[in-house]
Amino acid sequence: MNTISKILVPYDFSNSAKRALDYAVDFIGNAKIKIDLIHVSDNPDEKKMRATYEALCEEYKSKLKVPMRWTLGWDGAVTNIIIEAQQEKKADLIIMGTSGLSDKKEVSQTAKLVQDASCPVLVVPENSEKDTVKNISLVLGKNEIDKPNSLNTLLGICQKFNARVHVLTIQNTPGTFGYSKNDEKNENTLMYYLENFYSEHTFIENSDVVDGIFSYVENHDIDMIAILPRNHTKNAAPSDGLLTKELVLKANVPVLTIE
């Protein structure tokens, strides 16, 4: 997976953070990819973090080709510190855990991070039982993909896991989908950038987009949802990220936001 060499994992000692780290280690497999842990706190306990870090290194040493590193962050908003660390360490991907809607503070931080980060973010639900990636659902709207290079991260994941990409468009307004010029251009882009890992493009009518996505995920044994933010599509109205927020906080499978 030549598009990812460094992964940043926010770690706050919670069960959801541990689940994200477990997922990150399995995600890497035998690849020589570096994991950087970052712990953000107003009053960082360096002694506790060091002890935790040493215990985690011992736990994962037989699985990782490259030893983990860790850093402490403070003096600022959590999401800003994580984004600054990602930029400083030049991480290609952020993998973070979430406990869903139960923690309002976490909800706000997760939503802001996936909206503001300049790299892909993979959000792993604490209750997710998915550890392998065989089927990925790429959620796509009706607008033309503006930055097809952003699909390279998805291609890298497909190459690593030999995963298939099932593109999904939910039609929640009257109209004809699948036959427009944008649809044709997107089809060509998907075939070119996702190569033979692109499986099919399904169009489903459902007035509730989130319900349509989750129904498809459940019925098609999907292991990961990928979403292309609206700022990567041409002629799209500004987005406040509501769909992305709902997906990352309500899904029971990992959600990849592609930047």
Protein backbone atom coordinates (compact mmCIF):
# COMPACT_ATOMS: atom_id res chain seq x y z
CA MET A 1 0.00 0.00 0.00
CA ASN A 2 2.38 2.64 -1.28
CA THR A 3 0.07 5.60 -0.58
CA ILE A 4 0.21 5.16 3.21
CA SER A 5 3.47 5.10 5.18
CA LYS A 6 2.48 6.82 8.44
CA ILE A 7 -0.68 6.55 10.53
CA LEU A 8 -1.66 8.82 13.42
CA VAL A 9 -3.86 7.33 16.16
CA PRO A 10 -5.34 9.67 18.83
CA TYR A 11 -5.16 7.80 22.14
CA ASP A 12 -7.01 8.81 25.33
CA PHE A 13 -6.91 5.49 27.26
CA SER A 14 -10.58 4.78 26.38
CA ASN A 15 -11.99 1.50 25.05
CA SER A 16 -12.80 3.20 21.75
CA ALA A 17 -9.19 4.39 21.37
CA LYS A 18 -7.91 0.88 22.10
CA ARG A 19 -10.30 -0.54 19.51
CA ALA A 20 -8.97 1.94 16.95
CA LEU A 21 -5.38 0.97 17.74
CA ASP A 22 -6.22 -2.74 17.43
CA TYR A 23 -7.77 -1.99 14.06
CA ALA A 24 -4.76 0.06 12.97
CA VAL A 25 -2.36 -2.77 13.82
CA ASP A 26 -4.47 -5.30 11.90
CA PHE A 27 -4.84 -2.77 9.07
CA ILE A 28 -1.07 -2.51 8.70
CA GLY A 29 -0.45 -6.25 8.72
CA ASN A 30 3.09 -7.02 7.55
CA ALA A 31 3.64 -3.63 5.91
CA LYS A 32 6.39 -1.32 7.17
CA ILE A 33 4.00 1.46 8.17
CA LYS A 34 4.67 3.68 11.18
CA ILE A 35 2.08 4.30 13.88
CA ASP A 36 2.26 7.50 15.90
CA LEU A 37 0.10 7.73 19.02
CA ILE A 38 -0.93 11.16 20.24
CA HIS A 39 -2.46 11.85 23.64
CA VAL A 40 -4.08 15.25 24.10
CA SER A 41 -4.83 16.60 27.57
CA ASP A 42 -4.93 19.90 29.46
CA ASN A 43 -2.96 18.19 32.22
CA PRO A 44 -0.99 15.44 30.47
CA ASP A 45 0.22 12.64 32.70
CA GLU A 46 3.51 11.79 31.05
CA LYS A 47 4.25 8.99 33.48
CA LYS A 48 0.92 7.27 32.76
CA MET A 49 1.31 7.77 29.05
CA ARG A 50 4.82 6.33 29.05
CA ALA A 51 3.70 3.28 31.05
CA THR A 52 0.76 2.76 28.70
CA TYR A 53 2.96 3.21 25.66
CA GLU A 54 5.49 0.66 26.90
CA ALA A 55 2.69 -1.82 27.61
CA LEU A 56 1.22 -1.30 24.14
CA CYS A 57 4.62 -1.73 22.50
CA GLU A 58 5.01 -5.02 24.32
CA GLU A 59 1.52 -6.12 23.29
CA TYR A 60 2.02 -5.38 19.60
CA LYS A 61 5.75 -5.96 19.12
CA SER A 62 5.23 -9.32 17.41
CA LYS A 63 2.83 -7.75 14.88
CA LEU A 64 4.54 -4.49 13.95
CA LYS A 65 7.51 -4.21 11.62
CA VAL A 66 8.18 -0.65 12.83
CA PRO A 67 7.95 0.25 16.57
CA MET A 68 5.22 2.67 17.58
CA ARG A 69 6.02 6.20 18.70
CA TRP A 70 4.04 8.51 20.95
CA THR A 71 3.71 12.18 21.73
CA LEU A 72 1.81 14.40 24.14
CA GLY A 73 -0.26 17.37 23.06
CA TRP A 74 -1.72 20.19 25.12
CA ASP A 75 -2.50 23.91 25.13
CA GLY A 76 -5.27 24.09 22.58
CA ALA A 77 -8.38 22.47 21.14
CA VAL A 78 -8.09 18.70 20.80
CA THR A 79 -8.92 18.60 17.10
CA ASN A 80 -6.50 21.42 16.29
CA ILE A 81 -3.67 19.66 18.12
CA ILE A 82 -4.38 16.38 16.31
CA ILE A 83 -4.42 18.14 12.94
CA GLU A 84 -1.17 19.96 13.74
CA ALA A 85 0.42 16.65 14.76
CA GLN A 86 -0.74 15.04 11.52
CA GLN A 87 0.81 17.83 9.50
CA GLU A 88 4.04 17.87 11.52
CA LYS A 89 4.50 14.11 11.33
CA LYS A 90 3.23 14.01 7.73
CA ALA A 91 0.82 11.21 8.54
CA ASP A 92 -1.06 9.89 5.51
CA LEU A 93 -4.04 8.64 7.51
CA ILE A 94 -5.69 9.24 10.89
CA ILE A 95 -7.38 6.24 12.51
CA MET A 96 -9.52 7.15 15.49
CA GLY A 97 -12.10 5.38 17.61
CA THR A 98 -15.58 6.46 18.54
CA SER A 99 -18.16 5.22 21.02
CA GLY A 100 -20.93 6.70 18.89
CA LEU A 101 -23.53 9.13 20.16
CA SER A 102 -23.13 8.30 23.86
CA ASP A 103 -20.37 10.85 24.51
CA LYS A 104 -21.39 14.36 23.40
CA LYS A 105 -17.87 15.76 23.77
CA GLU A 106 -16.47 12.96 21.63
CA VAL A 107 -19.24 13.52 19.07
CA SER A 108 -18.20 17.14 18.63
CA GLN A 109 -14.48 16.35 18.40
CA THR A 110 -14.93 13.49 15.93
CA ALA A 111 -17.24 15.50 13.68
CA LYS A 112 -14.88 18.47 13.65
CA LEU A 113 -11.82 16.35 12.94
CA VAL A 114 -13.29 14.56 9.92
CA GLN A 115 -14.51 17.90 8.59
CA ASP A 116 -11.24 19.84 9.08
CA ALA A 117 -8.50 17.26 8.51
CA SER A 118 -6.49 17.59 5.30
CA CYS A 119 -5.83 13.84 5.11
CA PRO A 120 -8.13 10.80 5.07
CA VAL A 121 -9.67 9.88 8.42
CA LEU A 122 -10.80 6.35 9.26
CA VAL A 123 -13.29 6.29 12.13
CA VAL A 124 -13.64 2.92 13.86
CA PRO A 125 -16.74 2.30 16.02
CA GLU A 126 -15.98 0.73 19.37
CA ASN A 127 -18.64 -1.93 18.74
CA SER A 128 -17.44 -2.78 15.24
CA GLU A 129 -16.68 -6.44 14.67
CA LYS A 130 -15.03 -5.79 11.31
CA ASP A 131 -11.29 -6.47 11.19
CA THR A 132 -10.89 -7.52 7.58
CA VAL A 133 -11.74 -5.47 4.51
CA LYS A 134 -13.26 -7.34 1.61
CA ASN A 135 -16.19 -5.16 0.57
CA ILE A 136 -16.14 -1.36 0.63
CA SER A 137 -19.15 0.82 -0.12
CA LEU A 138 -18.16 4.16 -1.65
CA VAL A 139 -21.01 6.63 -1.17
CA LEU A 140 -21.25 8.98 -4.11
CA GLY A 141 -23.68 11.80 -4.94
CA LYS A 142 -24.83 13.04 -8.33
CA ASN A 143 -22.07 15.62 -8.82
CA GLU A 144 -18.96 15.04 -10.88
CA ILE A 145 -15.85 13.96 -8.97
CA ASP A 146 -13.54 16.97 -9.05
CA LYS A 147 -10.36 15.50 -7.55
CA PRO A 148 -10.08 11.90 -8.73
CA ASN A 149 -6.57 11.62 -7.24
CA SER A 150 -8.28 11.48 -3.85
CA LEU A 151 -9.34 7.94 -4.80
CA ASN A 152 -5.72 6.79 -4.53
CA THR A 153 -6.08 6.10 -0.80
CA LEU A 154 -9.07 3.89 -1.50
CA LEU A 155 -7.16 2.12 -4.26
CA GLY A 156 -4.27 1.49 -1.85
CA ILE A 157 -6.62 -0.14 0.65
CA CYS A 158 -8.12 -2.29 -2.09
CA GLN A 159 -4.67 -3.39 -3.23
CA LYS A 160 -3.66 -4.35 0.29
CA PHE A 161 -6.78 -6.33 1.13
CA ASN A 162 -7.87 -7.34 -2.38
CA ALA A 163 -11.14 -5.60 -1.56
CA ARG A 164 -13.99 -4.80 -3.93
CA VAL A 165 -15.54 -1.33 -4.16
CA HIS A 166 -19.31 -1.18 -4.45
CA VAL A 167 -20.29 2.38 -5.35
CA LEU A 168 -23.62 3.50 -3.90
CA THR A 169 -25.78 6.48 -4.80
CA ILE A 170 -28.97 7.16 -2.85
CA GLN A 171 -31.66 8.98 -4.82
CA ASN A 172 -33.65 10.98 -2.28
CA THR A 173 -35.17 13.50 -4.71
CA PRO A 174 -37.23 13.06 -7.89
CA GLY A 175 -35.19 12.66 -11.04
CA THR A 176 -33.26 10.22 -13.16
CA PHE A 177 -29.98 8.88 -11.86
CA GLY A 178 -27.38 6.87 -13.70
CA TYR A 179 -27.75 8.39 -17.16
CA SER A 180 -26.46 11.95 -16.88
CA LYS A 181 -23.15 13.31 -18.21
CA ASN A 182 -21.85 13.51 -14.64
CA ASP A 183 -22.76 9.87 -14.06
CA GLU A 184 -20.93 8.88 -17.24
CA LYS A 185 -17.84 10.90 -16.28
CA ASN A 186 -17.84 9.46 -12.76
CA GLU A 187 -18.16 5.96 -14.17
CA ASN A 188 -15.06 6.49 -16.30
CA THR A 189 -13.18 8.00 -13.35
CA LEU A 190 -14.07 5.09 -11.07
CA MET A 191 -13.03 2.49 -13.61
CA TYR A 192 -9.74 4.26 -14.27
CA TYR A 193 -8.68 5.03 -10.69
CA LEU A 194 -10.04 1.96 -8.93
CA GLU A 195 -8.95 -0.41 -11.68
CA ASN A 196 -10.28 -3.97 -11.41
CA PHE A 197 -11.28 -3.41 -7.76
CA TYR A 198 -14.34 -1.46 -8.90
CA SER A 199 -17.31 -3.81 -8.76
CA GLU A 200 -20.52 -1.96 -9.63
CA HIS A 201 -22.50 1.25 -9.15
CA THR A 202 -25.89 0.82 -7.47
CA PHE A 203 -28.61 3.47 -7.44
CA ILE A 204 -31.25 3.17 -4.70
CA GLU A 205 -34.35 5.27 -4.08
CA ASN A 206 -34.77 6.25 -0.45
CA SER A 207 -35.97 9.53 1.01
CA ASP A 208 -33.67 8.95 4.00
CA VAL A 209 -30.08 8.87 2.69
CA VAL A 210 -28.53 7.54 5.91
CA ASP A 211 -31.13 4.78 6.22
CA GLY A 212 -30.54 3.83 2.58
CA ILE A 213 -26.79 3.57 3.15
CA PHE A 214 -27.06 1.52 6.33
CA SER A 215 -29.63 -0.84 4.76
CA TYR A 216 -27.27 -1.44 1.85
CA VAL A 217 -24.32 -2.03 4.20
CA GLU A 218 -26.28 -4.58 6.22
CA ASN A 219 -27.67 -6.44 3.22
CA HIS A 220 -24.40 -6.63 1.27
CA ASP A 221 -21.91 -7.62 3.99
CA ILE A 222 -20.01 -4.32 3.71
CA ASP A 223 -16.85 -4.02 5.85
CA MET A 224 -16.15 -0.32 5.37
CA ILE A 225 -18.00 2.79 4.20
CA ALA A 226 -16.03 5.36 2.22
CA ILE A 227 -17.33 8.86 1.60
CA LEU A 228 -16.05 11.53 -0.74
CA PRO A 229 -16.68 14.95 0.85
CA ARG A 230 -18.63 17.42 -1.24
CA ASN A 231 -15.60 19.69 -1.64
CA HIS A 232 -14.22 17.05 -4.03
CA THR A 233 -17.15 17.34 -6.44
CA LYS A 234 -17.74 19.96 -9.11
CA ASN A 235 -20.57 22.48 -8.89
CA ALA A 236 -21.62 21.22 -5.45
CA ALA A 237 -23.22 23.48 -2.87
CA PRO A 238 -21.17 24.16 0.28
CA SER A 239 -21.59 21.34 2.77
CA ASP A 240 -21.82 21.48 6.54
CA GLY A 241 -20.87 17.82 6.73
CA LEU A 242 -24.16 16.56 8.16
CA LEU A 243 -24.11 13.31 6.15
CA THR A 244 -20.49 12.63 7.05
CA LYS A 245 -21.21 13.36 10.71
CA GLU A 246 -24.19 11.00 10.81
CA LEU A 247 -22.26 8.22 9.12
CA VAL A 248 -19.18 8.36 11.36
CA LEU A 249 -21.25 8.55 14.53
CA LYS A 250 -23.98 6.01 13.74
CA ALA A 251 -22.28 3.38 11.58
CA ASN A 252 -21.36 0.00 13.04
CA VAL A 253 -18.59 -0.47 10.46
CA PRO A 254 -15.50 1.73 9.98
CA VAL A 255 -16.05 4.89 7.93
CA LEU A 256 -13.31 6.36 5.73
CA THR A 257 -13.57 10.04 4.81
CA ILE A 258 -11.42 10.59 1.74
CA GLU A 259 -9.58 13.89 1.36
